[in-house]
Amino acid sequence: MQIKCLTAYNAADKLGKSENYKKRIVEVANGFKAGEQLSAQALTIMNQDTFELEAISRLTQIAQRIGMVWGKSDENGTQVQGKIYDLAFNTQQRDLTISQKNGEVILNLQSGRVQANKLTPQILQTFEDVNTQIDKILAKSQTQQMDLQR
């Protein structure tokens, strides 16, 4: 359980949670070490933070892949104009912004600091579906290259 608390603390830190929030995680962990039961609420919140950080990490990986395939790069970084979402990222500065077409920001990473807004499992699934499309396109392209070489 100590590992779960440490993971939750690290997730909270990376998600930009307040110092009081992180102190509360430490208090819960110390209470657990002292023999107190971990409340269902505390466990749920720790799991939510960990899930959110994992989702953000996966979304970031896919967004960078989308940028490599469909992005347009300039001195400010890489831009992708999608049907539903727009992406802008600069890998040197560790910045990434994912926004809906109406301009509402879903995810904003600035110099490694995270600000997530309405990041849902459906949004993550949409990006997973695009990632699968990229896999299919690249596989088809490789097959076509092999056919040309024969």
Protein backbone atom coordinates (compact mmCIF):
# COMPACT_ATOMS: atom_id res chain seq x y z
CA MET A 1 0.00 0.00 0.00
CA GLN A 2 2.97 2.31 0.57
CA ILE A 3 3.77 1.98 -3.13
CA LYS A 4 0.18 2.95 -4.01
CA CYS A 5 0.46 6.05 -1.82
CA LEU A 6 3.82 6.96 -3.36
CA THR A 7 2.39 6.46 -6.85
CA ALA A 8 -0.62 8.60 -5.94
CA TYR A 9 1.67 11.33 -4.55
CA ASN A 10 3.79 11.34 -7.72
CA ALA A 11 0.65 11.41 -9.88
CA ALA A 12 -0.79 14.31 -7.84
CA ASP A 13 2.51 16.19 -8.17
CA LYS A 14 2.67 15.72 -11.95
CA LEU A 15 -0.99 16.70 -12.27
CA GLY A 16 -0.22 19.99 -10.53
CA LYS A 17 -2.35 19.32 -7.44
CA SER A 18 -2.00 21.75 -4.54
CA GLU A 19 0.49 21.33 -1.70
CA ASN A 20 -2.41 20.73 0.71
CA TYR A 21 -3.70 17.96 -1.53
CA LYS A 22 -0.27 16.28 -1.57
CA LYS A 23 0.11 16.76 2.21
CA ARG A 24 -3.18 14.93 2.67
CA ILE A 25 -1.81 11.97 0.69
CA VAL A 26 1.22 11.92 2.99
CA GLU A 27 -1.06 12.04 6.05
CA VAL A 28 -3.13 9.13 4.72
CA ALA A 29 0.04 7.13 3.99
CA ASN A 30 1.43 7.83 7.48
CA GLY A 31 -1.90 6.85 9.03
CA PHE A 32 -1.85 3.61 7.08
CA LYS A 33 1.70 2.89 8.28
CA ALA A 34 0.49 3.48 11.83
CA GLY A 35 -2.23 0.85 11.38
CA GLU A 36 -5.20 2.95 10.31
CA GLN A 37 -7.49 1.62 7.61
CA LEU A 38 -7.37 3.32 4.23
CA SER A 39 -10.82 4.75 3.52
CA ALA A 40 -12.66 3.82 0.34
CA GLN A 41 -12.77 7.51 -0.55
CA ALA A 42 -8.99 7.91 -0.22
CA LEU A 43 -8.40 4.80 -2.32
CA THR A 44 -10.83 6.01 -4.99
CA ILE A 45 -9.17 9.42 -5.21
CA MET A 46 -5.69 7.86 -5.42
CA ASN A 47 -6.88 5.56 -8.21
CA GLN A 48 -8.48 8.48 -10.08
CA ASP A 49 -5.26 10.51 -9.99
CA THR A 50 -3.21 7.53 -11.16
CA PHE A 51 -5.70 6.79 -13.96
CA GLU A 52 -5.76 10.43 -15.05
CA LEU A 53 -1.96 10.59 -15.23
CA GLU A 54 -1.82 7.33 -17.22
CA ALA A 55 -4.51 8.64 -19.60
CA ILE A 56 -2.61 11.91 -20.08
CA SER A 57 0.61 10.01 -20.74
CA ARG A 58 -1.08 7.81 -23.35
CA LEU A 59 -2.85 10.77 -24.95
CA THR A 60 0.48 12.60 -25.16
CA GLN A 61 2.14 9.62 -26.88
CA ILE A 62 -0.63 9.37 -29.44
CA ALA A 63 -0.74 13.14 -30.03
CA GLN A 64 2.99 13.17 -30.78
CA ARG A 65 2.56 10.27 -33.20
CA ILE A 66 -0.32 12.09 -34.92
CA GLY A 67 1.91 15.14 -35.19
CA MET A 68 4.71 13.12 -36.80
CA VAL A 69 2.31 11.71 -39.41
CA TRP A 70 -0.03 14.63 -40.17
CA GLY A 71 1.58 17.64 -38.50
CA LYS A 72 2.84 20.80 -40.11
CA SER A 73 6.00 22.08 -38.44
CA ASP A 74 7.41 25.58 -38.20
CA GLU A 75 9.64 27.51 -35.78
CA ASN A 76 6.90 27.42 -33.12
CA GLY A 77 6.46 23.66 -33.19
CA THR A 78 4.02 21.27 -34.82
CA GLN A 79 0.34 21.90 -35.59
CA VAL A 80 -2.38 19.43 -36.57
CA GLN A 81 -5.83 20.58 -37.64
CA GLY A 82 -8.20 17.65 -37.16
CA LYS A 83 -11.91 17.15 -37.74
CA ILE A 84 -12.75 17.25 -34.02
CA TYR A 85 -9.53 18.28 -32.24
CA ASP A 86 -6.55 20.50 -32.97
CA LEU A 87 -3.07 19.76 -31.64
CA ALA A 88 -0.11 22.04 -31.11
CA PHE A 89 3.15 20.90 -29.60
CA ASN A 90 6.76 21.84 -29.18
CA THR A 91 8.89 18.90 -28.05
CA GLN A 92 11.87 21.07 -27.05
CA GLN A 93 9.78 23.03 -24.56
CA ARG A 94 7.68 19.98 -23.56
CA ASP A 95 4.49 21.82 -24.52
CA LEU A 96 1.31 20.23 -25.88
CA THR A 97 -2.16 21.66 -26.32
CA ILE A 98 -5.16 19.60 -27.41
CA SER A 99 -8.29 21.62 -28.04
CA GLN A 100 -11.72 21.05 -29.51
CA LYS A 101 -12.69 22.87 -32.69
CA ASN A 102 -14.66 25.39 -30.59
CA GLY A 103 -11.36 26.37 -28.91
CA GLU A 104 -12.03 24.64 -25.57
CA VAL A 105 -8.74 23.25 -24.28
CA ILE A 106 -8.89 19.58 -23.31
CA LEU A 107 -5.25 19.16 -22.30
CA ASN A 108 -2.51 21.71 -21.85
CA LEU A 109 1.05 20.74 -20.95
CA GLN A 110 3.41 23.66 -20.47
CA SER A 111 7.03 22.83 -19.64
CA GLY A 112 5.90 19.51 -18.18
CA ARG A 113 3.09 20.99 -16.02
CA VAL A 114 -0.33 19.47 -16.65
CA GLN A 115 -3.71 21.16 -16.92
CA ALA A 116 -6.45 18.74 -17.93
CA ASN A 117 -9.99 19.89 -18.60
CA LYS A 118 -12.83 17.47 -19.29
CA LEU A 119 -10.49 14.65 -20.30
CA THR A 120 -12.90 11.75 -20.70
CA PRO A 121 -12.50 8.07 -21.59
CA GLN A 122 -14.35 8.89 -24.86
CA ILE A 123 -11.68 11.43 -25.84
CA LEU A 124 -8.95 8.92 -25.08
CA GLN A 125 -10.81 6.31 -27.15
CA THR A 126 -11.05 8.74 -30.08
CA PHE A 127 -7.28 9.17 -29.99
CA GLU A 128 -6.78 5.39 -29.66
CA ASP A 129 -8.96 4.95 -32.78
CA VAL A 130 -6.83 7.48 -34.69
CA ASN A 131 -3.71 5.64 -33.53
CA THR A 132 -5.17 2.41 -34.95
CA GLN A 133 -5.86 4.23 -38.25
CA ILE A 134 -2.21 5.31 -38.36
CA ASP A 135 -1.14 1.68 -37.83
CA LYS A 136 -3.33 0.57 -40.75
CA ILE A 137 -2.08 3.36 -43.03
CA LEU A 138 1.56 2.59 -42.23
CA ALA A 139 1.03 -1.16 -42.71
CA LYS A 140 -0.62 -0.54 -46.09
CA SER A 141 2.20 1.79 -47.11
CA GLN A 142 4.82 -0.83 -46.19
CA THR A 143 2.95 -3.47 -48.18
CA GLN A 144 2.84 -1.16 -51.20
CA GLN A 145 6.58 -0.44 -50.89
CA MET A 146 7.34 -4.15 -50.77
CA ASP A 147 5.16 -4.72 -53.88
CA LEU A 148 7.10 -1.99 -55.73
CA GLN A 149 10.43 -3.57 -54.82
CA ARG A 150 9.50 -6.96 -56.25
